[in-house]
Amino acid sequence: MFRQAIISITDGQTGNPACRMAHPITLKLYDGEQVAIVGDNAAGKTRLVEALTGVNPVQGTALRYDFSPSPLRLAGENIKYIAFRDTYDGADNNYYLQKRWNRQDIDDDTPTAGELLDRAFEAAENGSGRLLDAASRARLHADRLAMRDRLYRLFGLDALLDKFIITLSSGELRKFQLTRTLLALPRVLVLDNPFIGLDASTRDSLSELLGALASEMRPMIILVMSRVDVMPPFITHVIPVSGLDVLPKVPVEDFTFSCHSEHSSCHSERSEGICPAGLIRHLPPKDLSAEPFYPAGASPEIIRCTGVTIRYGDRTILRDFDWTVHEGERWALTGENGSGKSTLLSLVCADNPQSYACDISLFGHRRGSGESIWDIKKHIGYVSPEMHRAYQKNIAALDIVASGLFDTVGMFMHPTDFQLDTCRLWMRVFGIEDLADRPYLRLSSGEQRLCLLARAFVKDPELLILDEPMHGLDLRHCARVKDIIDAFVQRPHKTLVMVSHYESELPSCIDRRMVLTRNT
């Protein structure tokens, strides 16, 4: 019986040695299969996808495509790949960490989400499909309009269309990227960790949408996944990747057992102490006497927000918001995409200029009473999707961690030998000490996130703010990070605020919760 191999690669290797797998790739992906490529961080998932999709060209004739019955002619039109690396795709080449909150710095030519979606629709209409006969063009146009209407309803995009692209939240950006890509009606759709950054309701809706696409329009969907606990029900086959090796493709039912076995071994490793939380517990207490962060006689209030209202144009993000965080509390912030979680944290960290017009106190000091932004950040360890997005410095991973000592994006000071030893200690805690000399931009997305996490901890901060800290991490590293957080907050004068859309990502130390709701 004939089976159409949409993508076929035989003993293939990329021309660039730095992007190669450990062994040549042999793999066939057949029509009707919906595939998940799974593996730990730095296992080689992205290398495999970039070989299959031609991002890193394969030598010779080892790679072949058969996109029929698609009427589109070009591989670039038939294969669409969303890498979900928290970028704005060049929409703003002058992007910096706080720019999302500094609306006065947005250039007049910065596009809105609606403008970019209109351009994507027009580009899809004007692709090679314009060379088809009138009836085929009409069918493509009708399918594209139906897809656009369905996506706009699913993601509530009407509320995002007039937003500048760089002001979108992490979850909103993912909705935008998915919509723009699906407007092209690709034959092969490759999504790298598509569910990270999305609230539970949107994750379920996206899974249903992709399943409906797979059954109704029959594209091949390839998901690249670091976590196997969120396997969508429409997946039919799994390709495990480990140690830069591509393991045999298996039906998803056959993979389930091995997945559970691997998860069990992960827990057994944790019980044997693979996470060096003991290193944290034996760190000397931080000496706060030289730089007291509480005013004399003040109560141990870390954060106080009173009647905070944040508006952008006619859009209200926070309205009359009150919140008090005391020393030693461990808060989890949850809520749907766009409910204001990251905006709230930008106020606390003084990244948002509106913070100085609000009644906000930090460590007992009212905002705007004479402190500098550096005074504020000195006692805060922070990581967020915005930071990951903005941190495009191709310096050594050790320097990335060391930059947390000075609250800079990049290295502009020379750390002492003692400070470098501290950085290496925290890299050891996070299991990335062997990456110290590697260029940051050559690391996998998960390895980059671990570097930024070590950066947040390196100055032993009194307030730890973790905004979706486990983006893109596999289950083993998620477990490790949770153990690190639990151990760290046992130290004196430590307070935690953490944002996550996954209940399973919250460490056991959480003792307070707040759910934000979107203002209408």
Protein backbone atom coordinates (compact mmCIF):
# COMPACT_ATOMS: atom_id res chain seq x y z
CA MET A 1 0.00 0.00 0.00
CA PHE A 2 1.42 3.38 -1.02
CA ARG A 3 2.10 5.84 1.80
CA GLN A 4 2.95 9.40 0.94
CA ALA A 5 6.12 10.56 2.71
CA ILE A 6 5.71 14.31 3.05
CA ILE A 7 9.23 14.66 4.46
CA SER A 8 11.91 12.07 3.83
CA ILE A 9 15.55 12.26 4.91
CA THR A 10 18.11 9.50 4.41
CA ASP A 11 21.56 9.64 6.05
CA GLY A 12 21.26 13.40 6.12
CA GLN A 13 23.56 15.88 7.81
CA THR A 14 23.58 19.64 7.66
CA GLY A 15 26.42 21.42 5.93
CA ASN A 16 27.22 23.46 9.04
CA PRO A 17 29.17 21.22 11.47
CA ALA A 18 28.00 23.29 14.47
CA CYS A 19 24.37 22.37 13.67
CA ARG A 20 24.79 18.65 13.10
CA MET A 21 23.32 15.76 15.02
CA ALA A 22 25.65 13.15 16.50
CA HIS A 23 24.84 10.76 13.62
CA PRO A 24 23.26 11.17 10.17
CA ILE A 25 19.46 11.42 10.22
CA THR A 26 17.20 8.85 8.58
CA LEU A 27 13.50 9.56 9.01
CA LYS A 28 10.22 9.50 7.08
CA LEU A 29 7.13 11.49 8.07
CA TYR A 30 3.97 10.23 6.34
CA ASP A 31 0.72 11.91 5.39
CA GLY A 32 -1.81 11.52 8.21
CA GLU A 33 0.81 11.47 10.96
CA GLN A 34 0.78 14.20 13.60
CA VAL A 35 4.16 14.22 15.27
CA ALA A 36 5.72 15.33 18.56
CA ILE A 37 9.50 15.69 18.73
CA VAL A 38 10.34 15.35 22.43
CA GLY A 39 13.49 15.53 24.48
CA ASP A 40 15.25 17.28 27.31
CA ASN A 41 16.78 20.73 26.99
CA ALA A 42 19.79 20.71 24.62
CA ALA A 43 18.93 17.18 23.40
CA GLY A 44 18.99 18.29 19.74
CA LYS A 45 15.30 18.88 18.99
CA THR A 46 15.88 22.22 17.29
CA ARG A 47 18.78 20.85 15.24
CA LEU A 48 16.54 18.07 13.94
CA VAL A 49 13.72 20.46 13.03
CA GLU A 50 16.06 22.90 11.29
CA ALA A 51 17.43 20.03 9.19
CA LEU A 52 13.95 18.74 8.29
CA THR A 53 12.65 22.18 7.36
CA GLY A 54 15.72 23.35 5.46
CA VAL A 55 16.60 26.13 7.91
CA ASN A 56 20.03 24.51 8.06
CA PRO A 57 20.43 22.97 4.59
CA VAL A 58 21.13 19.26 4.36
CA GLN A 59 23.98 18.21 2.09
CA GLY A 60 23.28 16.51 -1.24
CA THR A 61 19.89 15.01 -2.05
CA ALA A 62 19.26 13.36 1.31
CA LEU A 63 16.16 15.50 2.00
CA ARG A 64 13.02 15.20 -0.15
CA TYR A 65 9.53 16.73 0.07
CA ASP A 66 6.17 15.73 -1.37
CA PHE A 67 3.58 18.40 -0.51
CA SER A 68 0.75 17.12 -2.70
CA PRO A 69 -2.17 17.82 -2.87
CA SER A 70 -1.18 21.37 -1.86
CA PRO A 71 -1.44 23.70 -4.88
CA LEU A 72 1.35 25.88 -3.49
CA ARG A 73 4.72 25.33 -5.13
CA LEU A 74 7.42 26.60 -2.79
CA ALA A 75 8.80 24.79 0.27
CA GLY A 76 8.76 28.12 2.12
CA GLU A 77 4.99 28.34 1.60
CA ASN A 78 4.29 24.71 2.48
CA ILE A 79 6.42 24.59 5.64
CA LYS A 80 5.90 27.12 8.39
CA TYR A 81 8.05 27.04 11.51
CA ILE A 82 7.37 29.07 14.67
CA ALA A 83 10.37 28.92 16.98
CA PHE A 84 8.65 30.75 19.91
CA ARG A 85 11.84 32.38 21.07
CA ASP A 86 10.06 35.45 22.42
CA THR A 87 11.03 37.71 19.55
CA TYR A 88 9.09 40.32 17.71
CA ASP A 89 10.50 39.16 14.36
CA GLY A 90 12.40 42.36 13.71
CA ALA A 91 9.37 44.61 14.23
CA ASP A 92 11.55 46.80 16.44
CA ASN A 93 15.32 46.59 16.11
CA ASN A 94 15.78 48.99 19.05
CA TYR A 95 13.89 46.85 21.57
CA TYR A 96 15.14 46.95 25.15
CA LEU A 97 13.92 45.35 28.37
CA GLN A 98 11.66 48.15 29.63
CA LYS A 99 10.39 49.32 26.23
CA ARG A 100 7.10 47.43 26.52
CA TRP A 101 6.19 49.76 29.38
CA ASN A 102 7.70 52.97 27.97
CA ARG A 103 5.13 53.88 25.36
CA GLN A 104 6.75 57.27 24.70
CA ASP A 105 9.78 55.46 23.21
CA ILE A 106 7.74 53.58 20.61
CA ASP A 107 8.58 54.82 17.11
CA ASP A 108 5.87 56.10 14.80
CA ASP A 109 6.65 53.31 12.32
CA THR A 110 6.32 50.51 14.91
CA PRO A 111 3.48 48.32 13.56
CA THR A 112 0.41 47.19 15.43
CA ALA A 113 -0.58 43.54 15.66
CA GLY A 114 -3.50 44.23 13.29
CA GLU A 115 -1.25 45.82 10.67
CA LEU A 116 1.12 42.86 10.73
CA LEU A 117 -1.75 40.38 10.44
CA ASP A 118 -3.15 42.30 7.46
CA ARG A 119 0.28 42.17 5.83
CA ALA A 120 0.51 38.43 6.50
CA PHE A 121 -2.89 37.85 4.89
CA GLU A 122 -1.92 39.92 1.86
CA ALA A 123 1.45 38.16 1.53
CA ALA A 124 -0.26 34.77 1.63
CA GLU A 125 -2.72 35.89 -1.05
CA ASN A 126 0.11 37.16 -3.25
CA GLY A 127 2.35 34.11 -2.96
CA SER A 128 2.82 31.51 -5.65
CA GLY A 129 -0.89 30.69 -5.30
CA ARG A 130 -1.57 33.69 -7.51
CA LEU A 131 -0.32 31.56 -10.41
CA LEU A 132 -3.13 29.00 -9.92
CA ASP A 133 -6.31 28.91 -11.93
CA ALA A 134 -9.23 31.07 -10.80
CA ALA A 135 -11.17 28.25 -9.13
CA SER A 136 -8.16 27.12 -7.05
CA ARG A 137 -7.40 30.69 -6.03
CA ALA A 138 -11.00 31.18 -4.94
CA ARG A 139 -10.89 28.03 -2.79
CA LEU A 140 -7.64 29.14 -1.13
CA HIS A 141 -9.07 32.60 -0.48
CA ALA A 142 -12.24 31.17 1.10
CA ASP A 143 -10.22 28.78 3.28
CA ARG A 144 -7.95 31.61 4.39
CA LEU A 145 -10.88 33.88 5.31
CA ALA A 146 -12.51 31.05 7.29
CA MET A 147 -9.23 30.39 9.10
CA ARG A 148 -8.81 34.07 9.96
CA ASP A 149 -12.34 34.34 11.38
CA ARG A 150 -11.90 31.20 13.45
CA LEU A 151 -8.53 32.29 14.87
CA TYR A 152 -9.75 35.78 15.72
CA ARG A 153 -12.66 34.29 17.68
CA LEU A 154 -10.51 31.68 19.40
CA PHE A 155 -7.82 34.09 20.59
CA GLY A 156 -9.99 37.17 21.14
CA LEU A 157 -7.74 39.06 18.76
CA ASP A 158 -10.10 42.00 18.29
CA ALA A 159 -8.76 43.33 21.61
CA LEU A 160 -5.15 43.08 20.38
CA LEU A 161 -5.35 44.48 16.85
CA ASP A 162 -4.64 48.09 17.80
CA LYS A 163 -1.78 47.21 20.17
CA PHE A 164 1.80 47.90 19.10
CA ILE A 165 3.49 44.59 18.51
CA ILE A 166 6.19 45.18 21.13
CA THR A 167 3.59 45.84 23.83
CA LEU A 168 2.02 42.39 23.62
CA SER A 169 2.37 40.13 26.62
CA SER A 170 4.18 36.81 26.24
CA GLY A 171 0.89 34.92 25.87
CA GLU A 172 -0.59 37.53 23.50
CA LEU A 173 2.53 37.34 21.35
CA ARG A 174 2.10 33.59 20.96
CA LYS A 175 -1.51 34.04 19.86
CA PHE A 176 -0.35 36.61 17.31
CA GLN A 177 2.43 34.38 15.96
CA LEU A 178 0.13 31.40 15.60
CA THR A 179 -2.53 33.42 13.80
CA ARG A 180 -0.09 35.00 11.38
CA THR A 181 1.45 31.64 10.51
CA LEU A 182 -1.81 29.74 10.10
CA LEU A 183 -3.12 32.34 7.65
CA ALA A 184 -0.69 30.85 5.13
CA LEU A 185 -2.55 27.48 5.25
CA PRO A 186 0.73 25.52 5.39
CA ARG A 187 1.01 21.83 4.44
CA VAL A 188 3.48 21.32 7.32
CA LEU A 189 3.17 23.36 10.52
CA VAL A 190 6.07 23.17 12.99
CA LEU A 191 5.48 24.65 16.45
CA ASP A 192 8.24 24.88 19.04
CA ASN A 193 6.73 24.61 22.55
CA PRO A 194 3.47 26.28 21.49
CA PHE A 195 1.74 25.96 24.86
CA ILE A 196 4.23 27.85 27.03
CA GLY A 197 3.02 31.24 28.18
CA LEU A 198 -0.66 30.40 27.57
CA ASP A 199 -3.25 30.16 30.32
CA ALA A 200 -5.03 26.83 30.84
CA SER A 201 -8.17 27.79 28.93
CA THR A 202 -6.20 28.99 25.91
CA ARG A 203 -3.98 25.89 25.99
CA ASP A 204 -7.07 23.69 25.83
CA SER A 205 -8.58 25.80 23.04
CA LEU A 206 -5.34 25.74 21.06
CA SER A 207 -5.07 21.97 21.41
CA GLU A 208 -8.66 21.62 20.15
CA LEU A 209 -7.96 23.97 17.25
CA LEU A 210 -4.84 22.09 16.18
CA GLY A 211 -6.72 18.80 16.46
CA ALA A 212 -9.52 20.18 14.30
CA LEU A 213 -6.99 21.45 11.76
CA ALA A 214 -5.35 18.05 11.63
CA SER A 215 -8.65 16.27 10.92
CA GLU A 216 -10.37 18.86 8.71
CA MET A 217 -7.57 20.41 6.64
CA ARG A 218 -5.01 17.62 7.10
CA PRO A 219 -1.79 19.56 7.47
CA MET A 220 1.06 17.68 9.09
CA ILE A 221 1.57 19.22 12.53
CA ILE A 222 4.96 18.80 14.18
CA LEU A 223 5.21 19.88 17.82
CA VAL A 224 8.62 20.36 19.42
CA MET A 225 8.19 19.72 23.15
CA SER A 226 10.45 19.83 26.19
CA ARG A 227 7.67 18.50 28.43
CA VAL A 228 5.78 15.28 27.83
CA ASP A 229 3.10 15.87 30.48
CA VAL A 230 1.11 18.10 28.09
CA MET A 231 0.87 15.77 25.06
CA PRO A 232 -2.13 16.89 22.96
CA PRO A 233 -4.62 14.15 22.09
CA PHE A 234 -4.29 14.59 18.30
CA ILE A 235 -0.62 13.49 18.28
CA THR A 236 -0.21 10.09 16.59
CA HIS A 237 3.57 9.56 16.66
CA VAL A 238 6.51 10.59 18.82
CA ILE A 239 10.16 11.07 17.84
CA PRO A 240 12.38 11.01 20.95
CA VAL A 241 15.66 12.94 20.74
CA SER A 242 18.47 12.39 23.23
CA GLY A 243 22.12 13.37 23.26
CA LEU A 244 21.92 14.78 19.70
CA ASP A 245 20.63 11.42 18.48
CA VAL A 246 17.28 10.81 16.76
CA LEU A 247 15.65 7.71 18.23
CA PRO A 248 13.11 5.62 16.29
CA LYS A 249 9.69 7.15 15.66
CA VAL A 250 7.01 5.30 17.65
CA PRO A 251 3.20 5.44 17.89
CA VAL A 252 2.14 7.68 20.74
CA GLU A 253 0.58 4.73 22.63
CA ASP A 254 3.94 2.96 22.69
CA PHE A 255 5.69 6.10 23.91
CA THR A 256 3.40 6.62 26.89
CA PHE A 257 4.90 3.78 28.91
CA SER A 258 8.48 4.87 28.35
CA CYS A 259 7.48 8.42 29.24
CA HIS A 260 6.12 7.32 32.61
CA SER A 261 9.22 5.23 33.21
CA GLU A 262 11.45 8.21 32.47
CA HIS A 263 9.38 10.43 34.76
CA SER A 264 9.73 7.90 37.57
CA SER A 265 13.50 7.78 37.14
CA CYS A 266 13.54 11.59 37.29
CA HIS A 267 11.92 11.48 40.72
CA SER A 268 14.34 8.80 41.90
CA GLU A 269 17.27 11.00 40.81
CA ARG A 270 15.85 13.87 42.84
CA SER A 271 15.57 11.66 45.91
CA GLU A 272 19.30 10.83 45.55
CA GLY A 273 20.12 14.52 45.70
CA ILE A 274 20.78 15.41 42.07
CA CYS A 275 19.62 18.97 42.86
CA PRO A 276 22.35 20.55 45.05
CA ALA A 277 19.94 22.50 47.25
CA GLY A 278 22.29 21.75 50.13
CA LEU A 279 24.71 24.26 48.63
CA ILE A 280 22.06 26.95 49.09
CA ARG A 281 21.33 26.01 52.67
CA HIS A 282 25.01 26.29 53.56
CA LEU A 283 25.57 29.71 52.01
CA PRO A 284 26.49 32.28 54.69
CA PRO A 285 23.64 34.61 55.66
CA LYS A 286 23.65 37.87 53.75
CA ASP A 287 24.98 40.81 55.76
CA LEU A 288 22.29 43.48 55.63
CA SER A 289 23.79 45.72 58.30
CA ALA A 290 25.92 47.72 55.86
CA GLU A 291 22.96 48.51 53.60
CA PRO A 292 19.73 48.24 55.58
CA PHE A 293 16.81 47.91 53.24
CA TYR A 294 14.16 48.76 55.86
CA PRO A 295 13.88 52.30 57.22
CA ALA A 296 14.34 52.60 60.96
CA GLY A 297 11.31 51.32 62.83
CA ALA A 298 9.52 50.10 59.70
CA SER A 299 7.44 46.94 59.66
CA PRO A 300 8.68 44.14 57.39
CA GLU A 301 6.48 45.06 54.43
CA ILE A 302 8.17 44.17 51.19
CA ILE A 303 5.52 45.45 48.74
CA ARG A 304 2.50 47.69 49.29
CA CYS A 305 0.25 48.80 46.43
CA THR A 306 -2.66 51.10 47.28
CA GLY A 307 -5.35 52.01 44.76
CA VAL A 308 -3.06 51.38 41.78
CA THR A 309 -4.60 52.06 38.37
CA ILE A 310 -2.72 51.55 35.09
CA ARG A 311 -4.15 52.66 31.76
CA TYR A 312 -2.85 52.72 28.21
CA GLY A 313 -5.15 54.89 26.11
CA ASP A 314 -8.67 53.63 26.73
CA ARG A 315 -7.45 50.25 27.98
CA THR A 316 -7.34 49.72 31.75
CA ILE A 317 -4.92 47.00 32.87
CA LEU A 318 -5.19 47.43 36.66
CA ARG A 319 -7.98 49.32 38.44
CA ASP A 320 -7.90 50.43 42.11
CA PHE A 321 -5.55 47.57 42.92
CA ASP A 322 -4.49 46.92 46.53
CA TRP A 323 -1.84 44.40 47.55
CA THR A 324 0.51 43.95 50.49
CA VAL A 325 3.35 41.45 50.66
CA HIS A 326 5.11 40.87 53.99
CA GLU A 327 8.58 39.53 54.52
CA GLY A 328 8.78 35.76 54.26
CA GLU A 329 5.60 35.30 52.23
CA ARG A 330 5.66 33.18 49.06
CA TRP A 331 3.08 34.37 46.55
CA ALA A 332 1.78 32.74 43.40
CA LEU A 333 0.19 35.13 40.86
CA THR A 334 -2.12 33.54 38.34
CA GLY A 335 -4.69 34.69 35.82
CA GLU A 336 -5.53 34.58 32.15
CA ASN A 337 -3.30 36.11 29.49
CA GLY A 338 -3.58 39.91 29.49
CA SER A 339 -4.87 40.15 33.08
CA GLY A 340 -1.95 42.37 34.17
CA LYS A 341 0.46 39.99 35.92
CA SER A 342 3.59 41.19 34.12
CA THR A 343 2.42 44.80 34.29
CA LEU A 344 2.12 44.49 38.08
CA LEU A 345 5.64 43.08 38.35
CA SER A 346 7.01 45.83 36.09
CA LEU A 347 5.65 48.35 38.60
CA VAL A 348 7.39 46.61 41.49
CA CYS A 349 10.71 46.43 39.63
CA ALA A 350 10.45 50.10 38.51
CA ASP A 351 10.61 49.07 34.84
CA ASN A 352 7.28 50.80 34.24
CA PRO A 353 7.40 54.63 34.32
CA GLN A 354 3.84 54.73 35.68
CA SER A 355 5.15 53.19 38.90
CA TYR A 356 6.26 56.65 40.04
CA ALA A 357 2.72 58.02 39.66
CA CYS A 358 1.25 55.21 41.78
CA ASP A 359 1.08 54.68 45.53
CA ILE A 360 3.65 51.91 45.76
CA SER A 361 6.06 51.19 48.61
CA LEU A 362 8.96 48.77 48.46
CA PHE A 363 10.84 47.60 51.55
CA GLY A 364 9.01 50.31 53.49
CA HIS A 365 10.08 53.15 51.17
CA ARG A 366 7.40 54.93 49.16
CA ARG A 367 8.18 54.97 45.46
CA GLY A 368 9.49 58.35 44.32
CA SER A 369 10.84 59.38 47.74
CA GLY A 370 14.39 59.81 46.47
CA GLU A 371 15.57 56.30 45.71
CA SER A 372 17.10 55.46 42.34
CA ILE A 373 16.10 52.55 40.14
CA TRP A 374 19.37 50.89 41.15
CA ASP A 375 18.49 51.22 44.83
CA ILE A 376 15.27 49.36 44.05
CA LYS A 377 16.83 46.60 41.99
CA LYS A 378 19.70 46.01 44.41
CA HIS A 379 17.55 43.76 46.59
CA ILE A 380 15.48 42.12 43.82
CA GLY A 381 16.26 39.03 41.75
CA TYR A 382 14.15 38.97 38.61
CA VAL A 383 13.55 36.84 35.53
CA SER A 384 10.74 37.12 32.97
CA PRO A 385 9.83 36.39 29.34
CA GLU A 386 10.58 40.07 28.59
CA MET A 387 14.10 39.66 29.96
CA HIS A 388 14.66 36.53 27.87
CA ARG A 389 13.37 38.42 24.85
CA ALA A 390 15.64 41.41 25.42
CA TYR A 391 18.79 39.55 26.40
CA GLN A 392 20.51 39.20 23.02
CA LYS A 393 24.10 39.55 24.23
CA ASN A 394 26.42 36.94 22.75
CA ILE A 395 28.81 36.91 25.68
CA ALA A 396 29.97 33.98 27.79
CA ALA A 397 27.29 32.34 29.92
CA LEU A 398 29.36 33.12 33.03
CA ASP A 399 29.18 36.83 32.18
CA ILE A 400 25.40 36.56 31.74
CA VAL A 401 25.13 35.26 35.30
CA ALA A 402 27.59 37.88 36.58
CA SER A 403 25.54 40.71 35.04
CA GLY A 404 22.92 39.99 37.71
CA LEU A 405 25.33 41.34 40.31
CA PHE A 406 25.13 44.76 38.64
CA ASP A 407 21.52 44.64 37.30
CA THR A 408 22.70 45.25 33.75
CA VAL A 409 21.83 43.63 30.42
CA GLY A 410 25.34 42.70 29.37
CA MET A 411 28.65 43.15 31.21
CA PHE A 412 30.03 46.65 31.71
CA MET A 413 32.01 46.07 34.92
CA HIS A 414 34.73 43.63 35.91
CA PRO A 415 33.60 41.27 38.68
CA THR A 416 36.07 40.30 41.36
CA ASP A 417 37.43 36.77 41.69
CA PHE A 418 35.12 36.26 44.67
CA GLN A 419 32.11 37.40 42.62
CA LEU A 420 33.07 35.06 39.76
CA ASP A 421 33.36 32.18 42.20
CA THR A 422 29.85 33.03 43.43
CA CYS A 423 28.59 32.97 39.84
CA ARG A 424 30.17 29.58 39.24
CA LEU A 425 28.56 28.30 42.44
CA TRP A 426 25.11 29.33 41.23
CA MET A 427 25.76 27.81 37.81
CA ARG A 428 26.63 24.60 39.64
CA VAL A 429 23.38 24.85 41.61
CA PHE A 430 21.42 25.05 38.34
CA GLY A 431 23.49 22.29 36.70
CA ILE A 432 25.04 24.51 34.02
CA GLU A 433 28.60 24.95 35.27
CA ASP A 434 29.92 23.30 32.09
CA LEU A 435 28.36 26.13 30.03
CA ALA A 436 30.40 28.89 31.70
CA ASP A 437 32.56 29.66 28.66
CA ARG A 438 29.93 28.98 25.99
CA PRO A 439 28.49 31.97 24.04
CA TYR A 440 24.99 32.68 25.34
CA LEU A 441 23.31 32.89 21.93
CA ARG A 442 24.69 29.46 21.00
CA LEU A 443 22.86 27.84 23.91
CA SER A 444 19.46 26.20 23.61
CA SER A 445 16.47 28.19 24.77
CA GLY A 446 16.24 26.06 27.93
CA GLU A 447 19.93 26.56 28.71
CA GLN A 448 19.49 30.32 28.25
CA ARG A 449 16.59 30.29 30.69
CA LEU A 450 18.72 28.46 33.29
CA CYS A 451 21.47 31.08 32.87
CA LEU A 452 18.94 33.86 33.46
CA LEU A 453 17.61 32.05 36.51
CA ALA A 454 21.13 31.79 37.95
CA ARG A 455 21.47 35.52 37.19
CA ALA A 456 18.36 36.22 39.31
CA PHE A 457 19.74 34.33 42.33
CA VAL A 458 23.40 35.34 42.16
CA LYS A 459 23.20 38.40 44.45
CA ASP A 460 21.23 36.51 47.13
CA PRO A 461 18.24 38.91 46.80
CA GLU A 462 15.71 39.65 49.52
CA LEU A 463 12.83 39.70 47.00
CA LEU A 464 12.73 37.05 44.29
CA ILE A 465 10.37 37.81 41.37
CA LEU A 466 9.99 34.90 38.95
CA ASP A 467 7.68 35.60 36.01
CA GLU A 468 7.06 32.26 34.26
CA PRO A 469 10.58 31.07 35.17
CA MET A 470 10.19 27.58 33.69
CA HIS A 471 9.42 28.61 30.11
CA GLY A 472 10.76 25.87 27.85
CA LEU A 473 12.30 23.73 30.61
CA ASP A 474 11.90 19.97 30.56
CA LEU A 475 10.38 18.07 33.49
CA ARG A 476 13.74 17.24 35.03
CA HIS A 477 14.87 20.86 35.05
CA CYS A 478 11.46 22.05 36.27
CA ALA A 479 11.82 19.71 39.26
CA ARG A 480 15.34 21.00 39.88
CA VAL A 481 14.28 24.65 39.78
CA LYS A 482 11.39 23.99 42.17
CA ASP A 483 13.80 22.38 44.63
CA ILE A 484 16.15 25.36 44.35
CA ILE A 485 13.33 27.83 45.04
CA ASP A 486 12.11 25.81 48.04
CA ALA A 487 15.62 25.75 49.49
CA PHE A 488 16.35 29.42 48.78
CA VAL A 489 13.26 30.84 50.51
CA GLN A 490 14.24 29.03 53.73
CA ARG A 491 17.09 31.51 54.08
CA PRO A 492 16.53 34.58 56.31
CA HIS A 493 14.69 37.63 54.91
CA LYS A 494 13.56 35.94 51.69
CA THR A 495 10.25 36.73 49.95
CA LEU A 496 8.94 35.18 46.73
CA VAL A 497 6.50 36.32 44.05
CA MET A 498 6.05 33.84 41.20
CA VAL A 499 3.88 33.80 38.06
CA SER A 500 2.98 30.55 36.33
CA HIS A 501 0.17 29.18 34.17
CA TYR A 502 0.94 25.62 35.33
CA GLU A 503 -0.06 24.47 38.80
CA SER A 504 2.61 21.75 38.57
CA GLU A 505 5.35 24.39 38.24
CA LEU A 506 4.62 26.00 41.62
CA PRO A 507 7.07 24.97 44.36
CA SER A 508 5.79 23.53 47.61
CA CYS A 509 6.76 26.67 49.55
CA ILE A 510 3.87 28.73 48.06
CA ASP A 511 1.62 29.96 50.91
CA ARG A 512 -0.27 32.87 49.32
CA ARG A 513 -2.19 33.17 46.05
CA MET A 514 -3.72 35.94 44.02
CA VAL A 515 -5.73 35.52 40.81
CA LEU A 516 -5.84 38.55 38.51
CA THR A 517 -8.76 39.00 36.14
CA ARG A 518 -8.75 40.92 32.90
CA ASN A 519 -10.51 44.30 32.98
CA THR A 520 -13.23 44.67 30.37
